[in-house]
Amino acid sequence: MARPKTLQMRVTEEEYDVIEKKAKSLGLTISNYMRMVCLHVKIDFSIQPSENESEN
């Protein structure tokens, strides 16, 4: 799906590190993670991707 619109936000280094860590732990890009969070998708942090999936 094409996404022609862009959203920007400012965060501290610490906030960025937390967001990046959560996204990576789920095997997501930061953009996909933030999209899911902003659209109120329930994210279950107890489910971890396998090592092979997180390398993609």
Protein backbone atom coordinates (compact mmCIF):
# COMPACT_ATOMS: atom_id res chain seq x y z
CA MET A 1 0.00 0.00 0.00
CA ALA A 2 1.38 3.40 -0.96
CA ARG A 3 1.76 5.86 1.90
CA PRO A 4 2.03 9.36 0.42
CA LYS A 5 1.81 11.26 3.74
CA THR A 6 4.63 11.78 6.23
CA LEU A 7 4.47 12.33 9.99
CA GLN A 8 7.35 13.65 12.05
CA MET A 9 7.90 13.84 15.78
CA ARG A 10 10.71 14.92 18.05
CA VAL A 11 12.00 12.62 20.77
CA THR A 12 14.95 12.59 23.15
CA GLU A 13 17.85 10.20 22.62
CA GLU A 14 16.50 8.06 25.46
CA GLU A 15 12.99 7.96 23.97
CA TYR A 16 14.41 7.04 20.57
CA ASP A 17 16.45 4.22 22.10
CA VAL A 18 13.34 2.80 23.82
CA ILE A 19 11.27 3.02 20.63
CA GLU A 20 14.04 1.45 18.55
CA LYS A 21 14.53 -1.37 21.06
CA LYS A 22 10.80 -2.17 21.15
CA ALA A 23 10.54 -2.13 17.35
CA LYS A 24 13.57 -4.38 16.94
CA SER A 25 12.33 -6.79 19.61
CA LEU A 26 9.21 -7.31 17.48
CA GLY A 27 11.10 -7.54 14.19
CA LEU A 28 9.57 -4.26 12.98
CA THR A 29 10.94 -1.08 11.52
CA ILE A 30 10.47 2.01 13.65
CA SER A 31 7.94 3.28 11.09
CA ASN A 32 5.85 0.11 11.25
CA TYR A 33 6.07 0.01 15.05
CA MET A 34 4.98 3.65 15.41
CA ARG A 35 2.17 3.16 12.91
CA MET A 36 0.86 0.23 14.93
CA VAL A 37 1.14 2.11 18.23
CA CYS A 38 -0.53 5.24 16.84
CA LEU A 39 -3.38 3.25 15.35
CA HIS A 40 -3.99 1.47 18.68
CA VAL A 41 -2.95 -1.97 17.54
CA LYS A 42 -2.40 -4.18 20.57
CA ILE A 43 1.24 -5.28 20.64
CA ASP A 44 2.13 -8.35 22.66
CA PHE A 45 5.73 -8.04 23.86
CA SER A 46 5.69 -11.59 25.22
CA ILE A 47 5.96 -12.92 21.66
CA GLN A 48 9.51 -12.76 20.34
CA PRO A 49 10.50 -13.35 16.69
CA SER A 50 13.01 -16.08 15.99
CA GLU A 51 16.58 -14.98 15.21
CA ASN A 52 16.08 -15.68 11.49
CA GLU A 53 13.01 -13.43 11.35
CA SER A 54 14.70 -10.53 13.19
CA GLU A 55 17.57 -10.48 10.66
CA ASN A 56 15.19 -9.55 7.80
